[in-house]
Amino acid sequence: MECVEACQSVQGDNAPLTISKETDRPSIRNDGCTACLLCVRACPLNAIEIEGSTASAAHAIKRRKRTKPKPVAKQPYEVADDFVRFSEADMIFARAWNDPEFKHYRKSEWDGAKDAMESGLSGYGRADYELARAGWELYNHRTSMMNPLADLEGDGSSSANERIFDSDSLTRMMKKAARFFGASLVGVASLNPQWLYSASRRGVEYSIPDSIDHAVVMAIAMDYDAIATSPTFISSAATALGYSTMAFVEIELAAFIRRLGYRAIPCGNDIALSVPLAIDAGLGQYGRHGLLVTKEFGSRVRIAKVLTDMPLLPDGPDLDFCSSVTRFCEVCEKCAEHCPSQSIPYGKDRTWHGDSRSNNPGVKKWYVDVESCYGFWVQNGAECSNCIRSCPYDKRDGPALRILLWLTCHMPRLNSLVVKLDNLLGYGKQRLPKDLL
């Protein structure tokens, strides 16, 4: 009996699975079973089931039934008919190195760090600065570790012996894997080609095949206490760590997807726009500050993606939450008030384009002056997260956050009162940095 031999190969003479002398059939001592599942895997008839174990998942994997995808939901944003894909070369971070006409050409956010350290202010010390720089290490080396577009250089064939075709099982496993690798939130979107960058930061045209039709979108939560010190180096360290965690999660998940026999393209801030894909995947909605607002962490997240041809079941946008965020942002202007460079627009009205080449036109939203925003980063010597820190959605999980979510969703007429209460309770103000080292 293969099952008995498998059990004895691990536990020897004390194996709980034996051949009964009375019935000449396998018999098990439940108190000795460790649920290693070797017997399940060894059984040629798939006749063994262990209640409460992962055996049922193993059987689900072997099924070849393909589940129908969910219908695509209405999108909680407006896109112009003449929308044109954006080039990554026009991003503000790319223009800092490829656009001689940009005011802050060849300047990085670290340029003002020396002056900041000499100020003697808390949160701007040498150790704080080095912590922030160290946090970027993995993200800065991600492309040297692996080419995100390597899958597009072959013929799409996989080294895996067998593909798994059950969409429901694939989606469930993929989401569990994403969380296991470190994602705080994960969702799946049908890949809208509009959200793909037309070209890389160097102006090289991207050519993503139509077979890559899904995006796994992951949000990485940043440290609450560190972000609350913005715009100090400590807050910048939280941002840096968020990006390096993104790199780790996207690379690991892409490897997992490839080992299951499918193509995968890991993305950080490259290849595709993060926020609209995150909205499509049900993770949140655009805010006044142009960032993603989530239920769980507000805007205190970084976004990673993996584009794939794996037949996943897409999640739809959370339309009720998206509507509540837009209504609330029309009233709340805290991010604009706390912005050091006053780069975030005031007022209820959204527009179809911004004033900078680095604004991606064609979507109705609030457009941030990214050039003046970047200019403050250069002066500050590090990234700024004041807009994240001041957002009322940026709260720890607890009664205050749950009450805010309920009121903004069910009683929008009280939004102005919610903002006043948020200010009265002291939310959004900068907190004194605490020693991290």
Protein backbone atom coordinates (compact mmCIF):
# COMPACT_ATOMS: atom_id res chain seq x y z
CA MET A 1 0.00 0.00 0.00
CA GLU A 2 1.62 3.26 -1.17
CA CYS A 3 0.03 5.32 1.61
CA VAL A 4 1.39 3.09 4.37
CA GLU A 5 4.86 3.04 2.84
CA ALA A 6 4.83 6.86 2.62
CA CYS A 7 3.84 7.18 6.28
CA GLN A 8 6.44 4.67 7.45
CA SER A 9 9.15 6.42 5.43
CA VAL A 10 8.79 9.37 7.81
CA GLN A 11 7.78 7.86 11.14
CA GLY A 12 9.23 4.38 10.85
CA ASP A 13 7.93 1.70 13.21
CA ASN A 14 5.81 4.31 15.05
CA ALA A 15 3.90 5.27 11.92
CA PRO A 16 0.23 5.90 12.73
CA LEU A 17 -0.84 4.43 9.40
CA THR A 18 -0.54 0.63 9.28
CA ILE A 19 -2.19 -2.39 7.68
CA SER A 20 -4.84 -3.84 9.97
CA LYS A 21 -4.32 -7.56 10.58
CA GLU A 22 -8.08 -8.03 10.99
CA THR A 23 -9.23 -6.31 7.77
CA ASP A 24 -6.00 -6.30 5.74
CA ARG A 25 -6.72 -2.62 5.02
CA PRO A 26 -5.02 0.61 6.06
CA SER A 27 -5.77 1.71 9.61
CA ILE A 28 -4.75 4.97 11.30
CA ARG A 29 -4.16 6.10 14.88
CA ASN A 30 -5.49 9.65 14.92
CA ASP A 31 -3.42 10.65 17.96
CA GLY A 32 -0.22 9.89 16.06
CA CYS A 33 -1.09 11.60 12.76
CA THR A 34 0.82 14.84 12.15
CA ALA A 35 -1.12 15.72 8.98
CA CYS A 36 2.02 15.68 6.85
CA LEU A 37 -0.21 14.61 3.93
CA LEU A 38 2.34 12.18 2.50
CA CYS A 39 -0.33 9.46 2.47
CA VAL A 40 -2.71 11.75 0.57
CA ARG A 41 -0.10 12.48 -2.06
CA ALA A 42 0.97 8.85 -2.34
CA CYS A 43 -2.54 7.42 -2.83
CA PRO A 44 -2.94 6.64 -6.57
CA LEU A 45 -6.75 6.70 -6.27
CA ASN A 46 -7.10 10.08 -4.48
CA ALA A 47 -9.16 8.15 -1.94
CA ILE A 48 -7.80 9.74 1.25
CA GLU A 49 -9.25 12.91 2.74
CA ILE A 50 -8.10 14.50 5.97
CA GLU A 51 -10.71 16.73 7.53
CA GLY A 52 -9.55 20.28 8.15
CA SER A 53 -6.31 19.88 6.22
CA THR A 54 -5.04 21.35 2.98
CA ALA A 55 -5.85 18.08 1.24
CA SER A 56 -9.09 19.55 -0.05
CA ALA A 57 -7.12 22.39 -1.62
CA ALA A 58 -4.85 19.86 -3.28
CA HIS A 59 -7.86 18.16 -4.84
CA ALA A 60 -9.19 21.52 -5.97
CA ILE A 61 -5.91 22.20 -7.73
CA LYS A 62 -6.22 19.01 -9.76
CA ARG A 63 -9.60 19.96 -11.18
CA ARG A 64 -9.53 21.44 -14.67
CA LYS A 65 -12.81 23.31 -14.36
CA ARG A 66 -12.44 26.92 -15.51
CA THR A 67 -14.60 29.37 -13.61
CA LYS A 68 -16.26 32.17 -15.55
CA PRO A 69 -14.81 35.59 -14.72
CA LYS A 70 -16.90 38.15 -12.90
CA PRO A 71 -18.54 40.81 -15.08
CA VAL A 72 -16.60 44.06 -15.25
CA ALA A 73 -18.12 46.63 -12.91
CA LYS A 74 -18.78 50.28 -13.68
CA GLN A 75 -15.66 52.37 -13.14
CA PRO A 76 -15.71 55.12 -10.46
CA TYR A 77 -13.81 57.62 -12.59
CA GLU A 78 -14.28 59.48 -15.86
CA VAL A 79 -11.86 59.08 -18.77
CA ALA A 80 -11.87 61.35 -21.83
CA ASP A 81 -12.60 59.83 -25.23
CA ASP A 82 -9.29 61.18 -26.54
CA PHE A 83 -7.22 59.81 -23.64
CA VAL A 84 -3.67 58.95 -24.74
CA ARG A 85 -1.33 56.59 -22.93
CA PHE A 86 1.25 58.42 -20.84
CA SER A 87 4.99 58.07 -21.23
CA GLU A 88 7.01 57.13 -18.18
CA ALA A 89 9.68 59.52 -19.49
CA ASP A 90 7.32 62.39 -18.60
CA MET A 91 7.09 61.40 -14.93
CA ILE A 92 8.50 64.10 -12.67
CA PHE A 93 11.17 61.70 -11.36
CA ALA A 94 12.31 60.91 -14.90
CA ARG A 95 12.30 64.56 -15.99
CA ALA A 96 14.63 65.39 -13.11
CA TRP A 97 17.28 63.50 -15.11
CA ASN A 98 16.21 63.75 -18.75
CA ASP A 99 14.66 67.24 -19.11
CA PRO A 100 17.18 70.09 -19.07
CA GLU A 101 14.30 72.60 -19.13
CA PHE A 102 12.92 71.34 -15.82
CA LYS A 103 13.68 73.81 -13.02
CA HIS A 104 15.12 71.09 -10.79
CA TYR A 105 17.04 69.24 -13.50
CA ARG A 106 19.80 67.03 -12.12
CA LYS A 107 18.61 67.59 -8.56
CA SER A 108 17.40 64.85 -6.25
CA GLU A 109 15.34 64.95 -3.09
CA TRP A 110 18.58 64.38 -1.15
CA ASP A 111 20.26 67.58 -2.32
CA GLY A 112 19.05 69.63 0.64
CA ALA A 113 19.88 66.96 3.21
CA LYS A 114 23.16 68.53 4.36
CA ASP A 115 21.50 71.84 5.22
CA ALA A 116 18.70 69.99 6.95
CA MET A 117 21.13 68.02 9.10
CA GLU A 118 22.98 71.19 10.06
CA SER A 119 19.72 72.70 11.31
CA GLY A 120 19.79 70.41 14.35
CA LEU A 121 16.06 69.77 14.13
CA SER A 122 14.66 66.55 15.55
CA GLY A 123 14.10 64.00 12.82
CA TYR A 124 16.82 65.48 10.59
CA GLY A 125 19.88 63.89 12.21
CA ARG A 126 22.64 61.97 10.48
CA ALA A 127 21.33 58.60 11.63
CA ASP A 128 17.81 59.51 10.46
CA TYR A 129 19.19 60.43 7.05
CA GLU A 130 21.19 57.22 6.68
CA LEU A 131 18.16 55.19 7.74
CA ALA A 132 16.12 56.79 4.96
CA ARG A 133 18.83 56.17 2.34
CA ALA A 134 19.29 52.57 3.46
CA GLY A 135 15.57 51.95 3.12
CA TRP A 136 15.82 52.37 -0.67
CA GLU A 137 18.55 49.77 -1.14
CA LEU A 138 16.43 46.87 -2.38
CA TYR A 139 14.15 48.96 -4.58
CA ASN A 140 17.09 50.73 -6.22
CA HIS A 141 18.63 47.37 -7.16
CA ARG A 142 15.47 45.56 -8.26
CA THR A 143 16.13 45.94 -12.01
CA SER A 144 19.72 44.74 -11.64
CA MET A 145 18.43 41.68 -9.78
CA MET A 146 15.94 40.76 -12.49
CA ASN A 147 14.63 42.15 -15.75
CA PRO A 148 10.88 42.75 -15.20
CA LEU A 149 10.23 42.22 -18.92
CA ALA A 150 12.24 38.98 -19.16
CA ASP A 151 9.07 36.98 -19.76
CA LEU A 152 8.46 38.91 -22.99
CA GLU A 153 11.79 37.87 -24.48
CA GLY A 154 10.81 34.21 -24.88
CA ASP A 155 7.95 32.50 -26.65
CA GLY A 156 5.74 32.33 -23.58
CA SER A 157 6.39 28.66 -22.96
CA SER A 158 6.83 27.64 -19.36
CA SER A 159 9.35 25.38 -17.69
CA ALA A 160 6.61 24.13 -15.40
CA ASN A 161 5.47 20.58 -16.08
CA GLU A 162 1.79 21.37 -15.80
CA ARG A 163 -0.43 24.41 -15.71
CA ILE A 164 -3.31 24.80 -13.29
CA PHE A 165 -6.45 26.02 -14.99
CA ASP A 166 -8.98 26.46 -12.19
CA SER A 167 -9.36 30.25 -12.05
CA ASP A 168 -10.97 30.22 -8.63
CA SER A 169 -8.15 28.17 -7.07
CA LEU A 170 -5.48 30.22 -8.86
CA THR A 171 -6.94 33.49 -7.62
CA ARG A 172 -7.24 32.26 -4.06
CA MET A 173 -3.70 30.87 -3.99
CA MET A 174 -2.22 33.96 -5.64
CA LYS A 175 -3.83 36.30 -3.08
CA LYS A 176 -2.66 34.16 -0.18
CA ALA A 177 0.85 34.15 -1.63
CA ALA A 178 0.85 37.94 -2.02
CA ARG A 179 -0.10 38.39 1.63
CA PHE A 180 2.44 35.75 2.67
CA PHE A 181 5.20 37.67 0.89
CA GLY A 182 4.21 40.90 2.66
CA ALA A 183 1.32 42.62 0.87
CA SER A 184 -1.07 44.42 3.21
CA LEU A 185 -3.86 44.46 0.61
CA VAL A 186 -4.25 42.60 -2.68
CA GLY A 187 -6.77 42.68 -5.50
CA VAL A 188 -7.04 41.64 -9.14
CA ALA A 189 -7.91 43.88 -12.07
CA SER A 190 -8.55 43.12 -15.71
CA LEU A 191 -5.66 44.96 -17.35
CA ASN A 192 -6.94 48.08 -19.08
CA PRO A 193 -4.31 48.90 -21.77
CA GLN A 194 -4.93 52.61 -21.17
CA TRP A 195 -3.07 52.34 -17.87
CA LEU A 196 0.11 50.96 -19.45
CA TYR A 197 2.87 53.49 -19.96
CA SER A 198 3.59 54.02 -23.64
CA ALA A 199 7.36 54.14 -23.09
CA SER A 200 10.00 53.69 -20.39
CA ARG A 201 11.82 56.48 -18.56
CA ARG A 202 14.46 56.35 -21.30
CA GLY A 203 11.79 56.73 -23.97
CA VAL A 204 11.94 53.11 -25.13
CA GLU A 205 8.49 51.97 -26.27
CA TYR A 206 6.78 49.35 -24.14
CA SER A 207 5.15 46.50 -26.02
CA ILE A 208 3.05 44.39 -23.69
CA PRO A 209 1.24 41.55 -25.54
CA ASP A 210 -2.53 41.24 -25.34
CA SER A 211 -2.15 37.89 -23.60
CA ILE A 212 -0.99 39.77 -20.48
CA ASP A 213 -4.54 40.63 -19.46
CA HIS A 214 -4.61 40.79 -15.65
CA ALA A 215 -2.92 42.86 -12.98
CA VAL A 216 -2.37 41.72 -9.42
CA VAL A 217 -2.28 44.94 -7.40
CA MET A 218 -0.80 45.03 -3.91
CA ALA A 219 -0.72 47.79 -1.31
CA ILE A 220 2.13 47.92 1.21
CA ALA A 221 1.26 49.77 4.39
CA MET A 222 3.82 52.25 5.75
CA ASP A 223 4.59 52.84 9.41
CA TYR A 224 1.95 55.08 11.03
CA ASP A 225 4.21 56.71 13.62
CA ALA A 226 6.98 57.42 11.13
CA ILE A 227 4.66 59.00 8.54
CA ALA A 228 3.21 61.17 11.31
CA THR A 229 6.60 62.94 11.57
CA SER A 230 6.51 64.13 7.94
CA PRO A 231 8.41 65.83 6.38
CA THR A 232 11.37 64.56 8.43
CA PHE A 233 13.94 61.97 7.41
CA ILE A 234 12.11 59.46 9.60
CA SER A 235 9.00 59.80 7.46
CA SER A 236 11.19 59.45 4.39
CA ALA A 237 12.59 56.22 5.83
CA ALA A 238 9.06 54.80 6.04
CA THR A 239 8.51 55.68 2.38
CA ALA A 240 11.83 54.10 1.38
CA LEU A 241 11.09 50.91 3.27
CA GLY A 242 7.67 50.80 1.61
CA TYR A 243 9.31 50.88 -1.82
CA SER A 244 11.85 48.19 -0.98
CA THR A 245 9.08 46.01 0.44
CA MET A 246 7.24 46.56 -2.84
CA ALA A 247 10.27 45.29 -4.73
CA PHE A 248 10.51 42.17 -2.60
CA VAL A 249 6.80 41.36 -2.82
CA GLU A 250 6.46 41.91 -6.57
CA ILE A 251 9.56 39.88 -7.40
CA GLU A 252 8.55 36.99 -5.16
CA LEU A 253 4.95 36.90 -6.40
CA ALA A 254 6.09 37.04 -10.03
CA ALA A 255 8.36 34.06 -9.35
CA PHE A 256 5.45 32.15 -7.78
CA ILE A 257 3.21 32.85 -10.78
CA ARG A 258 5.93 31.76 -13.20
CA ARG A 259 6.48 28.52 -11.32
CA LEU A 260 2.79 27.76 -11.79
CA GLY A 261 3.34 28.00 -15.53
CA TYR A 262 2.29 31.56 -16.39
CA ARG A 263 4.00 34.76 -17.49
CA ALA A 264 4.50 37.55 -14.96
CA ILE A 265 5.85 41.10 -15.16
CA PRO A 266 6.70 42.70 -11.78
CA CYS A 267 6.10 46.45 -11.63
CA GLY A 268 6.87 49.12 -9.07
CA ASN A 269 6.29 52.65 -10.34
CA ASP A 270 7.20 51.53 -13.85
CA ILE A 271 5.41 49.88 -16.82
CA ALA A 272 1.87 50.79 -15.70
CA LEU A 273 0.02 53.46 -13.72
CA SER A 274 -0.52 52.25 -10.16
CA VAL A 275 -3.50 54.22 -8.84
CA PRO A 276 -6.07 53.48 -11.58
CA LEU A 277 -5.12 49.80 -11.54
CA ALA A 278 -5.53 49.76 -7.75
CA ILE A 279 -8.99 51.32 -8.14
CA ASP A 280 -9.92 48.70 -10.75
CA ALA A 281 -8.72 46.00 -8.34
CA GLY A 282 -11.03 47.26 -5.60
CA LEU A 283 -8.37 48.66 -3.27
CA GLY A 284 -9.59 52.25 -3.06
CA GLN A 285 -10.13 55.56 -4.86
CA TYR A 286 -8.32 58.68 -6.03
CA GLY A 287 -8.03 61.44 -3.41
CA ARG A 288 -7.64 65.19 -3.80
CA HIS A 289 -3.87 64.68 -3.41
CA GLY A 290 -3.77 62.32 -6.40
CA LEU A 291 -2.93 59.29 -4.26
CA LEU A 292 -4.89 56.13 -3.59
CA VAL A 293 -7.15 56.24 -0.54
CA THR A 294 -7.84 52.83 1.02
CA LYS A 295 -10.33 51.87 3.72
CA GLU A 296 -7.72 50.20 5.86
CA PHE A 297 -4.74 52.60 5.72
CA GLY A 298 -5.91 55.77 4.02
CA SER A 299 -3.13 56.84 1.63
CA ARG A 300 -0.39 55.41 3.85
CA VAL A 301 0.46 52.76 1.25
CA ARG A 302 2.85 52.07 -1.60
CA ILE A 303 1.53 50.16 -4.62
CA ALA A 304 3.17 47.22 -6.40
CA LYS A 305 1.80 45.27 -9.36
CA VAL A 306 2.40 42.05 -11.23
CA LEU A 307 1.01 41.86 -14.77
CA THR A 308 0.21 38.32 -15.88
CA ASP A 309 -1.60 36.02 -18.29
CA MET A 310 -2.77 33.84 -15.40
CA PRO A 311 -6.57 33.35 -15.79
CA LEU A 312 -7.56 35.10 -12.58
CA LEU A 313 -10.96 36.29 -11.40
CA PRO A 314 -10.94 40.12 -11.37
CA ASP A 315 -12.25 42.14 -8.44
CA GLY A 316 -14.44 45.13 -9.19
CA PRO A 317 -14.04 48.64 -7.78
CA ASP A 318 -15.68 49.33 -4.43
CA LEU A 319 -18.17 51.80 -5.89
CA ASP A 320 -19.77 52.85 -2.60
CA PHE A 321 -16.41 53.59 -1.01
CA CYS A 322 -15.14 55.34 -4.14
CA SER A 323 -18.18 57.63 -4.22
CA SER A 324 -17.83 58.42 -0.51
CA VAL A 325 -14.14 59.34 -0.92
CA THR A 326 -14.86 61.71 -3.81
CA ARG A 327 -17.69 63.39 -1.89
CA PHE A 328 -15.52 63.75 1.19
CA CYS A 329 -12.54 65.13 -0.74
CA GLU A 330 -14.82 67.77 -2.27
CA VAL A 331 -15.34 69.12 1.26
CA CYS A 332 -12.07 68.24 3.00
CA GLU A 333 -9.02 70.28 2.03
CA LYS A 334 -6.66 69.19 4.80
CA CYS A 335 -4.04 67.79 2.42
CA ALA A 336 -4.00 71.10 0.53
CA GLU A 337 -3.74 73.09 3.75
CA HIS A 338 -0.84 71.00 5.07
CA CYS A 339 1.09 70.92 1.76
CA PRO A 340 4.34 72.92 2.29
CA SER A 341 4.60 73.89 -1.40
CA GLN A 342 0.85 74.45 -1.80
CA SER A 343 0.91 72.05 -4.75
CA ILE A 344 -2.50 70.48 -4.06
CA PRO A 345 -5.51 72.34 -5.49
CA TYR A 346 -8.34 73.71 -3.38
CA GLY A 347 -12.01 73.72 -4.34
CA LYS A 348 -14.69 71.21 -5.22
CA ASP A 349 -14.23 71.14 -8.99
CA ARG A 350 -12.07 68.54 -10.70
CA THR A 351 -10.50 69.09 -14.11
CA TRP A 352 -9.37 67.05 -17.13
CA HIS A 353 -5.73 68.13 -17.14
CA GLY A 354 -3.01 69.74 -15.08
CA ASP A 355 -0.53 72.51 -15.88
CA SER A 356 2.58 70.32 -15.95
CA ARG A 357 3.93 68.02 -18.61
CA SER A 358 4.18 65.47 -15.81
CA ASN A 359 0.42 65.50 -15.23
CA ASN A 360 -1.30 62.66 -17.07
CA PRO A 361 -4.29 64.35 -18.78
CA GLY A 362 -7.58 62.79 -19.77
CA VAL A 363 -8.97 61.72 -16.39
CA LYS A 364 -11.32 63.93 -14.41
CA LYS A 365 -9.63 64.51 -11.05
CA TRP A 366 -7.72 67.02 -8.97
CA TYR A 367 -4.30 67.62 -10.57
CA VAL A 368 -1.32 68.27 -8.28
CA ASP A 369 1.47 70.67 -9.26
CA VAL A 370 4.11 67.95 -9.20
CA GLU A 371 6.90 70.34 -10.17
CA SER A 372 6.55 72.55 -7.10
CA CYS A 373 6.02 69.43 -4.99
CA TYR A 374 9.32 67.98 -6.21
CA GLY A 375 10.95 71.35 -5.63
CA PHE A 376 10.09 71.18 -1.94
CA TRP A 377 11.54 67.68 -1.75
CA VAL A 378 14.84 69.05 -3.07
CA GLN A 379 14.80 71.83 -0.48
CA ASN A 380 13.73 69.50 2.31
CA GLY A 381 16.42 66.96 1.56
CA ALA A 382 13.91 64.09 1.55
CA GLU A 383 10.44 63.11 0.42
CA CYS A 384 7.41 64.78 1.99
CA SER A 385 4.29 62.90 3.13
CA ASN A 386 2.31 65.76 4.67
CA CYS A 387 -0.66 65.04 2.42
CA ILE A 388 -0.75 61.44 3.65
CA ARG A 389 -0.20 62.41 7.27
CA SER A 390 -3.01 64.99 7.26
CA CYS A 391 -5.65 62.89 5.46
CA PRO A 392 -8.54 62.01 7.82
CA TYR A 393 -8.54 58.48 6.38
CA ASP A 394 -5.01 58.00 7.74
CA LYS A 395 -5.88 56.48 11.10
CA ARG A 396 -5.00 53.32 12.92
CA ASP A 397 -7.62 50.61 12.79
CA GLY A 398 -10.10 51.33 15.56
CA PRO A 399 -13.37 53.09 16.46
CA ALA A 400 -12.29 56.49 15.05
CA LEU A 401 -11.56 55.05 11.60
CA ARG A 402 -14.68 52.88 11.53
CA ILE A 403 -16.90 55.81 12.53
CA LEU A 404 -15.34 57.99 9.82
CA LEU A 405 -15.88 55.30 7.17
CA TRP A 406 -19.52 54.83 8.18
CA LEU A 407 -20.35 58.55 8.32
CA THR A 408 -18.71 59.41 5.01
CA CYS A 409 -20.50 56.53 3.32
CA HIS A 410 -23.97 56.81 4.88
CA MET A 411 -24.26 60.43 6.04
CA PRO A 412 -22.28 62.58 3.57
CA ARG A 413 -24.14 65.72 4.68
CA LEU A 414 -22.01 65.56 7.83
CA ASN A 415 -18.70 65.59 5.95
CA SER A 416 -17.90 69.17 6.94
CA LEU A 417 -18.57 68.30 10.57
CA VAL A 418 -16.32 65.23 10.26
CA VAL A 419 -13.47 67.45 9.06
CA LYS A 420 -13.99 69.87 11.97
CA LEU A 421 -14.00 67.02 14.48
CA ASP A 422 -10.88 65.57 12.90
CA ASN A 423 -9.11 68.90 13.41
CA LEU A 424 -10.48 69.30 16.93
CA LEU A 425 -9.14 65.89 17.94
CA GLY A 426 -5.70 66.80 16.60
CA TYR A 427 -5.51 64.35 13.71
CA GLY A 428 -3.17 65.27 10.86
CA LYS A 429 -0.76 67.43 12.86
CA GLN A 430 2.92 66.66 12.75
CA ARG A 431 4.11 64.56 15.68
CA LEU A 432 7.50 64.97 17.28
CA PRO A 433 9.91 62.34 15.96
CA LYS A 434 10.74 59.50 18.32
CA ASP A 435 14.16 57.93 18.29
CA LEU A 436 14.15 54.88 16.03
CA LEU A 437 17.83 54.00 16.50
